[in-house]
Each structure stands twice: as C-alpha cells, then as structure tokens.
Amino acid sequence: MLREQQIELILFTGMELVEPVKLTDEDAESILDEFLHYSETDHTNPTHYKSNSMEVWEMMLRIWGKEKFIAFCEMNAFKYRMRAGLKQDQPIERDLDKAKWYEAKVKEISL
C-alpha cells in the first residue's frame, strides 16, 4: 500500500520523492481525493468565473465593444499557445484548451 501512496503523491505534486514518505491511510485518501477533485476541475472556465450575474468576458464585451474584445481574445489565444507546455506540473492540453476557448469566443462574437 505504501508504494501506491507514493505514486499517488508523485502524480498529485508532479515531484519525485527523494525519500519515501510514510502516509497514514487517511492522509493518502485525503491527498487522492484532492488530486481527483483537482483533475476534474474545469481549468478553462471554473465556477468562480461565473459568480456574478454575468461572466467577466460578457462585461468586457459590453464595456469595450466587439472589436477590442475580439483583439483581447486573439491575443490571449496567442499567449496561451506560446506558453503551452512551459508551466511546470501542468499538462500542455490545459493551455491549448484555454487558447481554443478564446479562439471559439472570437468565432462566436464575430457572427
């Protein structure tokens, strides 16, 4: 069981263990629960983005208008594609998904 717990800890933190870490079953379960919750989280459009009566992107569109909002989305998509794969302990897909979200928003707003 200890080896499985170490593997789970490595997967969660992205770090290799220099020395074995002895975890209680309760600690291992807590870490695994946190990992599973984190891996299931929508990192592109998490729930805290939706805490107001409208999302921030909708406010930006109303405040700055269509042209500036589209430019903002295009620049963010570019930024995420340029940085994809460079963040430690984060899968490249996360940044690519964010870039795709901005690119889809440009298409949606451009209609």
PDB file of N, CA and C in Angstrom:
ATOM      1  N   MET A   1       0.824  -1.203   0.000  1.00  0.00           N
ATOM      2  CA  MET A   1       0.000   0.000   0.000  1.00  0.00           C
ATOM      3  C   MET A   1       0.858   1.252   0.000  1.00  0.00           C
ATOM      4  N   LEU A   2       2.003   1.249   0.696  1.00  0.00           N
ATOM      5  CA  LEU A   2       2.845   2.431   0.785  1.00  0.00           C
ATOM      6  C   LEU A   2       3.330   2.861  -0.600  1.00  0.00           C
ATOM      7  N   ARG A   3       3.721   1.911  -1.444  1.00  0.00           N
ATOM      8  CA  ARG A   3       4.208   2.244  -2.788  1.00  0.00           C
ATOM      9  C   ARG A   3       3.103   2.927  -3.596  1.00  0.00           C
ATOM     10  N   GLU A   4       1.873   2.443  -3.492  1.00  0.00           N
ATOM     11  CA  GLU A   4       0.752   3.063  -4.193  1.00  0.00           C
ATOM     12  C   GLU A   4       0.539   4.491  -3.710  1.00  0.00           C
ATOM     13  N   GLN A   5       0.677   4.705  -2.417  1.00  0.00           N
ATOM     14  CA  GLN A   5       0.518   6.040  -1.862  1.00  0.00           C
ATOM     15  C   GLN A   5       1.604   6.975  -2.377  1.00  0.00           C
ATOM     16  N   GLN A   6       2.829   6.470  -2.504  1.00  0.00           N
ATOM     17  CA  GLN A   6       3.920   7.299  -3.028  1.00  0.00           C
ATOM     18  C   GLN A   6       3.641   7.677  -4.477  1.00  0.00           C
ATOM     19  N   ILE A   7       3.154   6.741  -5.263  1.00  0.00           N
ATOM     20  CA  ILE A   7       2.846   7.017  -6.662  1.00  0.00           C
ATOM     21  C   ILE A   7       1.744   8.067  -6.753  1.00  0.00           C
ATOM     22  N   GLU A   8       0.726   7.932  -5.915  1.00  0.00           N
ATOM     23  CA  GLU A   8      -0.346   8.920  -5.911  1.00  0.00           C
ATOM     24  C   GLU A   8       0.197  10.301  -5.563  1.00  0.00           C
ATOM     25  N   LEU A   9       1.100  10.375  -4.584  1.00  0.00           N
ATOM     26  CA  LEU A   9       1.677  11.653  -4.184  1.00  0.00           C
ATOM     27  C   LEU A   9       2.504  12.252  -5.310  1.00  0.00           C
ATOM     28  N   ILE A  10       3.261  11.439  -6.019  1.00  0.00           N
ATOM     29  CA  ILE A  10       4.053  11.914  -7.153  1.00  0.00           C
ATOM     30  C   ILE A  10       3.122  12.447  -8.241  1.00  0.00           C
ATOM     31  N   LEU A  11       2.046  11.718  -8.525  1.00  0.00           N
ATOM     32  CA  LEU A  11       1.104  12.176  -9.541  1.00  0.00           C
ATOM     33  C   LEU A  11       0.475  13.502  -9.160  1.00  0.00           C
ATOM     34  N   PHE A  12       0.147  13.667  -7.889  1.00  0.00           N
ATOM     35  CA  PHE A  12      -0.514  14.893  -7.446  1.00  0.00           C
ATOM     36  C   PHE A  12       0.432  16.083  -7.476  1.00  0.00           C
ATOM     37  N   THR A  13       1.642  15.913  -6.978  1.00  0.00           N
ATOM     38  CA  THR A  13       2.558  17.047  -6.862  1.00  0.00           C
ATOM     39  C   THR A  13       3.425  17.231  -8.087  1.00  0.00           C
ATOM     40  N   GLY A  14       3.590  16.177  -8.890  1.00  0.00           N
ATOM     41  CA  GLY A  14       4.479  16.266 -10.038  1.00  0.00           C
ATOM     42  C   GLY A  14       5.939  16.204  -9.634  1.00  0.00           C
ATOM     43  N   MET A  15       6.210  15.891  -8.387  1.00  0.00           N
ATOM     44  CA  MET A  15       7.584  15.854  -7.891  1.00  0.00           C
ATOM     45  C   MET A  15       7.974  14.423  -7.572  1.00  0.00           C
ATOM     46  N   GLU A  16       9.229  14.129  -7.772  1.00  0.00           N
ATOM     47  CA  GLU A  16       9.726  12.824  -7.360  1.00  0.00           C
ATOM     48  C   GLU A  16      10.129  12.915  -5.901  1.00  0.00           C
ATOM     49  N   LEU A  17       9.933  11.836  -5.207  1.00  0.00           N
ATOM     50  CA  LEU A  17      10.262  11.808  -3.796  1.00  0.00           C
ATOM     51  C   LEU A  17      11.711  11.381  -3.614  1.00  0.00           C
ATOM     52  N   VAL A  18      12.460  12.152  -2.856  1.00  0.00           N
ATOM     53  CA  VAL A  18      13.836  11.802  -2.569  1.00  0.00           C
ATOM     54  C   VAL A  18      13.872  10.684  -1.541  1.00  0.00           C
ATOM     55  N   GLU A  19      13.049  10.798  -0.546  1.00  0.00           N
ATOM     56  CA  GLU A  19      12.940   9.771   0.481  1.00  0.00           C
ATOM     57  C   GLU A  19      11.490   9.319   0.531  1.00  0.00           C
ATOM     58  N   PRO A  20      11.287   8.037   0.800  1.00  0.00           N
ATOM     59  CA  PRO A  20       9.896   7.583   0.924  1.00  0.00           C
ATOM     60  C   PRO A  20       9.163   8.360   2.005  1.00  0.00           C
ATOM     61  N   VAL A  21       7.932   8.667   1.724  1.00  0.00           N
ATOM     62  CA  VAL A  21       7.092   9.372   2.684  1.00  0.00           C
ATOM     63  C   VAL A  21       6.093   8.364   3.236  1.00  0.00           C
ATOM     64  N   LYS A  22       6.043   8.258   4.539  1.00  0.00           N
ATOM     65  CA  LYS A  22       5.085   7.347   5.160  1.00  0.00           C
ATOM     66  C   LYS A  22       3.808   8.124   5.427  1.00  0.00           C
ATOM     67  N   LEU A  23       2.746   7.671   4.795  1.00  0.00           N
ATOM     68  CA  LEU A  23       1.452   8.310   4.950  1.00  0.00           C
ATOM     69  C   LEU A  23       0.499   7.354   5.642  1.00  0.00           C
ATOM     70  N   THR A  24      -0.334   7.921   6.458  1.00  0.00           N
ATOM     71  CA  THR A  24      -1.410   7.110   7.007  1.00  0.00           C
ATOM     72  C   THR A  24      -2.412   6.876   5.887  1.00  0.00           C
ATOM     73  N   ASP A  25      -3.233   5.879   6.033  1.00  0.00           N
ATOM     74  CA  ASP A  25      -4.269   5.636   5.028  1.00  0.00           C
ATOM     75  C   ASP A  25      -5.175   6.857   4.891  1.00  0.00           C
ATOM     76  N   GLU A  26      -5.437   7.526   6.004  1.00  0.00           N
ATOM     77  CA  GLU A  26      -6.293   8.720   5.992  1.00  0.00           C
ATOM     78  C   GLU A  26      -5.641   9.847   5.191  1.00  0.00           C
ATOM     79  N   ASP A  27      -4.339  10.070   5.400  1.00  0.00           N
ATOM     80  CA  ASP A  27      -3.617  11.108   4.652  1.00  0.00           C
ATOM     81  C   ASP A  27      -3.586  10.779   3.165  1.00  0.00           C
ATOM     82  N   ALA A  28      -3.303   9.528   2.846  1.00  0.00           N
ATOM     83  CA  ALA A  28      -3.242   9.114   1.444  1.00  0.00           C
ATOM     84  C   ALA A  28      -4.598   9.304   0.771  1.00  0.00           C
ATOM     85  N   GLU A  29      -5.661   8.957   1.475  1.00  0.00           N
ATOM     86  CA  GLU A  29      -7.003   9.124   0.922  1.00  0.00           C
ATOM     87  C   GLU A  29      -7.327  10.602   0.716  1.00  0.00           C
ATOM     88  N   SER A  30      -6.926  11.441   1.653  1.00  0.00           N
ATOM     89  CA  SER A  30      -7.160  12.875   1.540  1.00  0.00           C
ATOM     90  C   SER A  30      -6.426  13.459   0.334  1.00  0.00           C
ATOM     91  N   ILE A  31      -5.182  13.065   0.160  1.00  0.00           N
ATOM     92  CA  ILE A  31      -4.393  13.550  -0.979  1.00  0.00           C
ATOM     93  C   ILE A  31      -5.003  13.070  -2.283  1.00  0.00           C
ATOM     94  N   LEU A  32      -5.403  11.815  -2.323  1.00  0.00           N
ATOM     95  CA  LEU A  32      -6.017  11.277  -3.537  1.00  0.00           C
ATOM     96  C   LEU A  32      -7.329  11.989  -3.845  1.00  0.00           C
ATOM     97  N   ASP A  33      -8.146  12.247  -2.839  1.00  0.00           N
ATOM     98  CA  ASP A  33      -9.401  12.976  -3.047  1.00  0.00           C
ATOM     99  C   ASP A  33      -9.135  14.357  -3.629  1.00  0.00           C
ATOM    100  N   GLU A  34      -8.128  15.047  -3.071  1.00  0.00           N
ATOM    101  CA  GLU A  34      -7.777  16.375  -3.568  1.00  0.00           C
ATOM    102  C   GLU A  34      -7.292  16.290  -5.014  1.00  0.00           C
ATOM    103  N   PHE A  35      -6.484  15.292  -5.318  1.00  0.00           N
ATOM    104  CA  PHE A  35      -5.997  15.104  -6.692  1.00  0.00           C
ATOM    105  C   PHE A  35      -7.150  14.875  -7.645  1.00  0.00           C
ATOM    106  N   LEU A  36      -8.069  13.990  -7.263  1.00  0.00           N
ATOM    107  CA  LEU A  36      -9.198  13.689  -8.140  1.00  0.00           C
ATOM    108  C   LEU A  36     -10.070  14.914  -8.352  1.00  0.00           C
ATOM    109  N   HIS A  37     -10.303  15.685  -7.299  1.00  0.00           N
ATOM    110  CA  HIS A  37     -11.086  16.915  -7.439  1.00  0.00           C
ATOM    111  C   HIS A  37     -10.364  17.894  -8.362  1.00  0.00           C
ATOM    112  N   TYR A  38      -9.049  18.047  -8.174  1.00  0.00           N
ATOM    113  CA  TYR A  38      -8.266  18.980  -8.987  1.00  0.00           C
ATOM    114  C   TYR A  38      -8.274  18.559 -10.445  1.00  0.00           C
ATOM    115  N   SER A  39      -8.130  17.268 -10.702  1.00  0.00           N
ATOM    116  CA  SER A  39      -8.065  16.806 -12.084  1.00  0.00           C
ATOM    117  C   SER A  39      -9.422  16.901 -12.779  1.00  0.00           C
ATOM    118  N   GLU A  40     -10.520  16.943 -12.014  1.00  0.00           N
ATOM    119  CA  GLU A  40     -11.856  17.059 -12.598  1.00  0.00           C
ATOM    120  C   GLU A  40     -12.320  18.510 -12.722  1.00  0.00           C
ATOM    121  N   THR A  41     -11.553  19.439 -12.193  1.00  0.00           N
ATOM    122  CA  THR A  41     -11.916  20.851 -12.234  1.00  0.00           C
ATOM    123  C   THR A  41     -11.817  21.380 -13.655  1.00  0.00           C
ATOM    124  N   ASP A  42     -12.753  22.217 -14.033  1.00  0.00           N
ATOM    125  CA  ASP A  42     -12.706  22.886 -15.331  1.00  0.00           C
ATOM    126  C   ASP A  42     -11.721  24.046 -15.221  1.00  0.00           C
ATOM    127  N   HIS A  43     -10.528  23.858 -15.729  1.00  0.00           N
ATOM    128  CA  HIS A  43      -9.494  24.875 -15.605  1.00  0.00           C
ATOM    129  C   HIS A  43      -9.648  25.995 -16.635  1.00  0.00           C
ATOM    130  N   THR A  44     -10.483  25.790 -17.624  1.00  0.00           N
ATOM    131  CA  THR A  44     -10.695  26.813 -18.647  1.00  0.00           C
ATOM    132  C   THR A  44     -11.788  27.786 -18.236  1.00  0.00           C
ATOM    133  N   ASN A  45     -12.822  27.289 -17.609  1.00  0.00           N
ATOM    134  CA  ASN A  45     -13.949  28.133 -17.223  1.00  0.00           C
ATOM    135  C   ASN A  45     -14.498  27.675 -15.865  1.00  0.00           C
ATOM    136  N   PRO A  46     -13.686  27.839 -14.797  1.00  0.00           N
ATOM    137  CA  PRO A  46     -14.092  27.338 -13.476  1.00  0.00           C
ATOM    138  C   PRO A  46     -15.297  28.078 -12.905  1.00  0.00           C
ATOM    139  N   THR A  47     -15.886  27.506 -11.886  1.00  0.00           N
ATOM    140  CA  THR A  47     -17.120  28.062 -11.326  1.00  0.00           C
ATOM    141  C   THR A  47     -16.948  29.476 -10.782  1.00  0.00           C
ATOM    142  N   HIS A  48     -15.769  29.828 -10.267  1.00  0.00           N
ATOM    143  CA  HIS A  48     -15.622  31.186  -9.721  1.00  0.00           C
ATOM    144  C   HIS A  48     -15.662  32.243 -10.825  1.00  0.00           C
ATOM    145  N   TYR A  49     -15.537  31.845 -12.086  1.00  0.00           N
ATOM    146  CA  TYR A  49     -15.700  32.784 -13.200  1.00  0.00           C
ATOM    147  C   TYR A  49     -17.167  33.180 -13.363  1.00  0.00           C
ATOM    148  N   LYS A  50     -18.058  32.378 -12.801  1.00  0.00           N
ATOM    149  CA  LYS A  50     -19.493  32.569 -13.001  1.00  0.00           C
ATOM    150  C   LYS A  50     -20.183  33.075 -11.738  1.00  0.00           C
ATOM    151  N   SER A  51     -19.458  33.760 -10.889  1.00  0.00           N
ATOM    152  CA  SER A  51     -20.010  34.161  -9.592  1.00  0.00           C
ATOM    153  C   SER A  51     -20.841  35.445  -9.649  1.00  0.00           C
ATOM    154  N   ASN A  52     -20.773  36.196 -10.716  1.00  0.00           N
ATOM    155  CA  ASN A  52     -21.566  37.424 -10.862  1.00  0.00           C
ATOM    156  C   ASN A  52     -22.797  37.147 -11.720  1.00  0.00           C
ATOM    157  N   SER A  53     -23.603  38.168 -11.936  1.00  0.00           N
ATOM    158  CA  SER A  53     -24.800  37.990 -12.752  1.00  0.00           C
ATOM    159  C   SER A  53     -24.443  37.711 -14.213  1.00  0.00           C
ATOM    160  N   MET A  54     -23.240  38.098 -14.609  1.00  0.00           N
ATOM    161  CA  MET A  54     -22.727  37.765 -15.937  1.00  0.00           C
ATOM    162  C   MET A  54     -21.233  37.510 -15.800  1.00  0.00           C
ATOM    163  N   GLU A  55     -20.682  36.766 -16.746  1.00  0.00           N
ATOM    164  CA  GLU A  55     -19.258  36.465 -16.684  1.00  0.00           C
ATOM    165  C   GLU A  55     -18.451  37.709 -17.053  1.00  0.00           C
ATOM    166  N   VAL A  56     -17.215  37.738 -16.605  1.00  0.00           N
ATOM    167  CA  VAL A  56     -16.345  38.896 -16.844  1.00  0.00           C
ATOM    168  C   VAL A  56     -16.183  39.160 -18.338  1.00  0.00           C
ATOM    169  N   TRP A  57     -16.076  38.106 -19.142  1.00  0.00           N
ATOM    170  CA  TRP A  57     -15.907  38.322 -20.580  1.00  0.00           C
ATOM    171  C   TRP A  57     -17.122  39.060 -21.157  1.00  0.00           C
ATOM    172  N   GLU A  58     -18.308  38.781 -20.613  1.00  0.00           N
ATOM    173  CA  GLU A  58     -19.512  39.470 -21.085  1.00  0.00           C
ATOM    174  C   GLU A  58     -19.477  40.949 -20.698  1.00  0.00           C
ATOM    175  N   MET A  59     -18.978  41.232 -19.498  1.00  0.00           N
ATOM    176  CA  MET A  59     -18.824  42.626 -19.064  1.00  0.00           C
ATOM    177  C   MET A  59     -17.823  43.353 -19.954  1.00  0.00           C
ATOM    178  N   MET A  60     -16.710  42.679 -20.245  1.00  0.00           N
ATOM    179  CA  MET A  60     -15.675  43.283 -21.101  1.00  0.00           C
ATOM    180  C   MET A  60     -16.245  43.615 -22.477  1.00  0.00           C
ATOM    181  N   LEU A  61     -17.023  42.712 -23.016  1.00  0.00           N
ATOM    182  CA  LEU A  61     -17.633  42.925 -24.326  1.00  0.00           C
ATOM    183  C   LEU A  61     -18.541  44.154 -24.302  1.00  0.00           C
ATOM    184  N   ARG A  62     -19.316  44.303 -23.246  1.00  0.00           N
ATOM    185  CA  ARG A  62     -20.218  45.459 -23.134  1.00  0.00           C
ATOM    186  C   ARG A  62     -19.459  46.765 -22.905  1.00  0.00           C
ATOM    187  N   ILE A  63     -18.392  46.700 -22.121  1.00  0.00           N
ATOM    188  CA  ILE A  63     -17.636  47.920 -21.796  1.00  0.00           C
ATOM    189  C   ILE A  63     -16.774  48.380 -22.965  1.00  0.00           C
ATOM    190  N   TRP A  64     -15.993  47.457 -23.542  1.00  0.00           N
ATOM    191  CA  TRP A  64     -15.021  47.855 -24.562  1.00  0.00           C
ATOM    192  C   TRP A  64     -15.461  47.597 -25.987  1.00  0.00           C
ATOM    193  N   GLY A  65     -16.549  46.883 -26.166  1.00  0.00           N
ATOM    194  CA  GLY A  65     -17.069  46.654 -27.504  1.00  0.00           C
ATOM    195  C   GLY A  65     -16.465  45.435 -28.192  1.00  0.00           C
ATOM    196  N   LYS A  66     -17.109  45.090 -29.289  1.00  0.00           N
ATOM    197  CA  LYS A  66     -16.791  43.868 -30.027  1.00  0.00           C
ATOM    198  C   LYS A  66     -15.358  43.848 -30.568  1.00  0.00           C
ATOM    199  N   GLU A  67     -14.932  44.921 -31.202  1.00  0.00           N
ATOM    200  CA  GLU A  67     -13.612  44.956 -31.841  1.00  0.00           C
ATOM    201  C   GLU A  67     -12.479  44.758 -30.825  1.00  0.00           C
ATOM    202  N   LYS A  68     -12.535  45.485 -29.724  1.00  0.00           N
ATOM    203  CA  LYS A  68     -11.479  45.364 -28.708  1.00  0.00           C
ATOM    204  C   LYS A  68     -11.545  44.019 -27.999  1.00  0.00           C
ATOM    205  N   PHE A  69     -12.755  43.521 -27.771  1.00  0.00           N
ATOM    206  CA  PHE A  69     -12.876  42.225 -27.117  1.00  0.00           C
ATOM    207  C   PHE A  69     -12.308  41.124 -28.003  1.00  0.00           C
ATOM    208  N   ILE A  70     -12.577  41.173 -29.284  1.00  0.00           N
ATOM    209  CA  ILE A  70     -12.026  40.175 -30.212  1.00  0.00           C
ATOM    210  C   ILE A  70     -10.504  40.247 -30.215  1.00  0.00           C
ATOM    211  N   ALA A  71      -9.951  41.451 -30.230  1.00  0.00           N
ATOM    212  CA  ALA A  71      -8.488  41.595 -30.184  1.00  0.00           C
ATOM    213  C   ALA A  71      -7.932  40.997 -28.888  1.00  0.00           C
ATOM    214  N   PHE A  72      -8.616  41.246 -27.784  1.00  0.00           N
ATOM    215  CA  PHE A  72      -8.209  40.679 -26.496  1.00  0.00           C
ATOM    216  C   PHE A  72      -8.191  39.153 -26.568  1.00  0.00           C
ATOM    217  N   CYS A  73      -9.233  38.566 -27.126  1.00  0.00           N
ATOM    218  CA  CYS A  73      -9.315  37.105 -27.243  1.00  0.00           C
ATOM    219  C   CYS A  73      -8.213  36.559 -28.147  1.00  0.00           C
ATOM    220  N   GLU A  74      -7.969  37.222 -29.252  1.00  0.00           N
ATOM    221  CA  GLU A  74      -6.916  36.773 -30.163  1.00  0.00           C
ATOM    222  C   GLU A  74      -5.544  36.824 -29.489  1.00  0.00           C
ATOM    223  N   MET A  75      -5.300  37.878 -28.722  1.00  0.00           N
ATOM    224  CA  MET A  75      -4.015  37.997 -28.027  1.00  0.00           C
ATOM    225  C   MET A  75      -3.877  36.949 -26.929  1.00  0.00           C
ATOM    226  N   ASN A  76      -4.969  36.673 -26.207  1.00  0.00           N
ATOM    227  CA  ASN A  76      -4.906  35.643 -25.173  1.00  0.00           C
ATOM    228  C   ASN A  76      -4.698  34.260 -25.782  1.00  0.00           C
ATOM    229  N   ALA A  77      -5.357  33.975 -26.889  1.00  0.00           N
ATOM    230  CA  ALA A  77      -5.154  32.687 -27.562  1.00  0.00           C
ATOM    231  C   ALA A  77      -3.684  32.552 -27.976  1.00  0.00           C
ATOM    232  N   PHE A  78      -3.120  33.619 -28.517  1.00  0.00           N
ATOM    233  CA  PHE A  78      -1.704  33.621 -28.900  1.00  0.00           C
ATOM    234  C   PHE A  78      -0.818  33.369 -27.680  1.00  0.00           C
ATOM    235  N   LYS A  79      -1.095  34.077 -26.596  1.00  0.00           N
ATOM    236  CA  LYS A  79      -0.314  33.933 -25.359  1.00  0.00           C
ATOM    237  C   LYS A  79      -0.334  32.494 -24.870  1.00  0.00           C
ATOM    238  N   TYR A  80      -1.522  31.891 -24.806  1.00  0.00           N
ATOM    239  CA  TYR A  80      -1.616  30.518 -24.302  1.00  0.00           C
ATOM    240  C   TYR A  80      -0.921  29.526 -25.227  1.00  0.00           C
ATOM    241  N   ARG A  81      -0.988  29.743 -26.528  1.00  0.00           N
ATOM    242  CA  ARG A  81      -0.286  28.842 -27.452  1.00  0.00           C
ATOM    243  C   ARG A  81       1.236  29.000 -27.323  1.00  0.00           C
ATOM    244  N   MET A  82       1.700  30.224 -27.131  1.00  0.00           N
ATOM    245  CA  MET A  82       3.145  30.447 -26.996  1.00  0.00           C
ATOM    246  C   MET A  82       3.692  29.853 -25.699  1.00  0.00           C
ATOM    247  N   ARG A  83       2.892  29.821 -24.653  1.00  0.00           N
ATOM    248  CA  ARG A  83       3.337  29.319 -23.344  1.00  0.00           C
ATOM    249  C   ARG A  83       2.991  27.850 -23.120  1.00  0.00           C
ATOM    250  N   ALA A  84       2.268  27.249 -24.044  1.00  0.00           N
ATOM    251  CA  ALA A  84       1.812  25.863 -23.873  1.00  0.00           C
ATOM    252  C   ALA A  84       2.988  24.933 -23.607  1.00  0.00           C
ATOM    253  N   GLY A  85       2.847  24.145 -22.558  1.00  0.00           N
ATOM    254  CA  GLY A  85       3.876  23.178 -22.220  1.00  0.00           C
ATOM    255  C   GLY A  85       5.024  23.722 -21.394  1.00  0.00           C
ATOM    256  N   LEU A  86       5.005  25.014 -21.073  1.00  0.00           N
ATOM    257  CA  LEU A  86       6.115  25.612 -20.329  1.00  0.00           C
ATOM    258  C   LEU A  86       5.856  25.702 -18.831  1.00  0.00           C
ATOM    259  N   LYS A  87       4.618  25.516 -18.409  1.00  0.00           N
ATOM    260  CA  LYS A  87       4.293  25.592 -16.976  1.00  0.00           C
ATOM    261  C   LYS A  87       4.615  24.257 -16.325  1.00  0.00           C
ATOM    262  N   GLN A  88       5.368  24.312 -15.259  1.00  0.00           N
ATOM    263  CA  GLN A  88       5.713  23.086 -14.547  1.00  0.00           C
ATOM    264  C   GLN A  88       4.464  22.435 -13.983  1.00  0.00           C
ATOM    265  N   ASP A  89       4.448  21.145 -14.027  1.00  0.00           N
ATOM    266  CA  ASP A  89       3.395  20.346 -13.399  1.00  0.00           C
ATOM    267  C   ASP A  89       2.004  20.598 -13.974  1.00  0.00           C
ATOM    268  N   GLN A  90       1.949  21.114 -15.204  1.00  0.00           N
ATOM    269  CA  GLN A  90       0.647  21.303 -15.837  1.00  0.00           C
ATOM    270  C   GLN A  90       0.700  20.716 -17.235  1.00  0.00           C
ATOM    271  N   PRO A  91      -0.326  19.986 -17.606  1.00  0.00           N
ATOM    272  CA  PRO A  91      -0.334  19.383 -18.942  1.00  0.00           C
ATOM    273  C   PRO A  91      -0.469  20.451 -20.028  1.00  0.00           C
ATOM    274  N   ILE A  92       0.168  20.219 -21.154  1.00  0.00           N
ATOM    275  CA  ILE A  92       0.121  21.157 -22.278  1.00  0.00           C
ATOM    276  C   ILE A  92      -1.317  21.388 -22.734  1.00  0.00           C
ATOM    277  N   GLU A  93      -2.159  20.364 -22.574  1.00  0.00           N
ATOM    278  CA  GLU A  93      -3.560  20.470 -23.011  1.00  0.00           C
ATOM    279  C   GLU A  93      -4.305  21.585 -22.294  1.00  0.00           C
ATOM    280  N   ARG A  94      -3.913  21.888 -21.076  1.00  0.00           N
ATOM    281  CA  ARG A  94      -4.621  22.928 -20.324  1.00  0.00           C
ATOM    282  C   ARG A  94      -4.484  24.281 -21.031  1.00  0.00           C
ATOM    283  N   ASP A  95      -3.272  24.635 -21.418  1.00  0.00           N
ATOM    284  CA  ASP A  95      -3.085  25.905 -22.128  1.00  0.00           C
ATOM    285  C   ASP A  95      -3.710  25.853 -23.514  1.00  0.00           C
ATOM    286  N   LEU A  96      -3.617  24.710 -24.183  1.00  0.00           N
ATOM    287  CA  LEU A  96      -4.229  24.597 -25.510  1.00  0.00           C
ATOM    288  C   LEU A  96      -5.747  24.709 -25.421  1.00  0.00           C
ATOM    289  N   ASP A  97      -6.334  24.144 -24.381  1.00  0.00           N
ATOM    290  CA  ASP A  97      -7.784  24.276 -24.185  1.00  0.00           C
ATOM    291  C   ASP A  97      -8.181  25.732 -23.962  1.00  0.00           C
ATOM    292  N   LYS A  98      -7.361  26.457 -23.214  1.00  0.00           N
ATOM    293  CA  LYS A  98      -7.649  27.883 -22.986  1.00  0.00           C
ATOM    294  C   LYS A  98      -7.537  28.657 -24.293  1.00  0.00           C
ATOM    295  N   ALA A  99      -6.512  28.360 -25.081  1.00  0.00           N
ATOM    296  CA  ALA A  99      -6.363  29.029 -26.381  1.00  0.00           C
ATOM    297  C   ALA A  99      -7.576  28.741 -27.262  1.00  0.00           C
ATOM    298  N   LYS A 100      -7.994  27.484 -27.289  1.00  0.00           N
ATOM    299  CA  LYS A 100      -9.160  27.111 -28.104  1.00  0.00           C
ATOM    300  C   LYS A 100     -10.427  27.810 -27.614  1.00  0.00           C
ATOM    301  N   TRP A 101     -10.549  28.005 -26.292  1.00  0.00           N
ATOM    302  CA  TRP A 101     -11.717  28.703 -25.761  1.00  0.00           C
ATOM    303  C   TRP A 101     -11.762  30.129 -26.314  1.00  0.00           C
ATOM    304  N   TYR A 102     -10.622  30.828 -26.280  1.00  0.00           N
ATOM    305  CA  TYR A 102     -10.569  32.200 -26.799  1.00  0.00           C
ATOM    306  C   TYR A 102     -10.816  32.230 -28.298  1.00  0.00           C
ATOM    307  N   GLU A 103     -10.276  31.262 -29.021  1.00  0.00           N
ATOM    308  CA  GLU A 103     -10.496  31.212 -30.475  1.00  0.00           C
ATOM    309  C   GLU A 103     -11.964  30.954 -30.799  1.00  0.00           C
ATOM    310  N   ALA A 104     -12.600  30.089 -30.019  1.00  0.00           N
ATOM    311  CA  ALA A 104     -14.032  29.826 -30.233  1.00  0.00           C
ATOM    312  C   ALA A 104     -14.860  31.065 -29.899  1.00  0.00           C
ATOM    313  N   LYS A 105     -14.437  31.807 -28.875  1.00  0.00           N
ATOM    314  CA  LYS A 105     -15.156  33.021 -28.490  1.00  0.00           C
ATOM    315  C   LYS A 105     -15.065  34.054 -29.616  1.00  0.00           C
ATOM    316  N   VAL A 106     -13.912  34.150 -30.274  1.00  0.00           N
ATOM    317  CA  VAL A 106     -13.761  35.076 -31.415  1.00  0.00           C
ATOM    318  C   VAL A 106     -14.763  34.702 -32.506  1.00  0.00           C
ATOM    319  N   LYS A 107     -14.846  33.419 -32.831  1.00  0.00           N
ATOM    320  CA  LYS A 107     -15.787  32.965 -33.872  1.00  0.00           C
ATOM    321  C   LYS A 107     -17.231  33.262 -33.465  1.00  0.00           C
ATOM    322  N   GLU A 108     -17.546  33.001 -32.205  1.00  0.00           N
ATOM    323  CA  GLU A 108     -18.906  33.222 -31.705  1.00  0.00           C
ATOM    324  C   GLU A 108     -19.285  34.705 -31.782  1.00  0.00           C
ATOM    325  N   ILE A 109     -18.395  35.570 -31.347  1.00  0.00           N
ATOM    326  CA  ILE A 109     -18.674  37.016 -31.313  1.00  0.00           C
ATOM    327  C   ILE A 109     -18.656  37.616 -32.722  1.00  0.00           C
ATOM    328  N   SER A 110     -17.886  37.022 -33.615  1.00  0.00           N
ATOM    329  CA  SER A 110     -17.745  37.557 -34.972  1.00  0.00           C
ATOM    330  C   SER A 110     -18.977  37.301 -35.838  1.00  0.00           C
ATOM    331  N   LEU A 111     -19.854  36.400 -35.420  1.00  0.00           N
ATOM    332  CA  LEU A 111     -21.047  36.065 -36.231  1.00  0.00           C
ATOM    333  C   LEU A 111     -21.998  37.231 -36.347  1.00  0.00           C
TER     334      LEU A 111
END
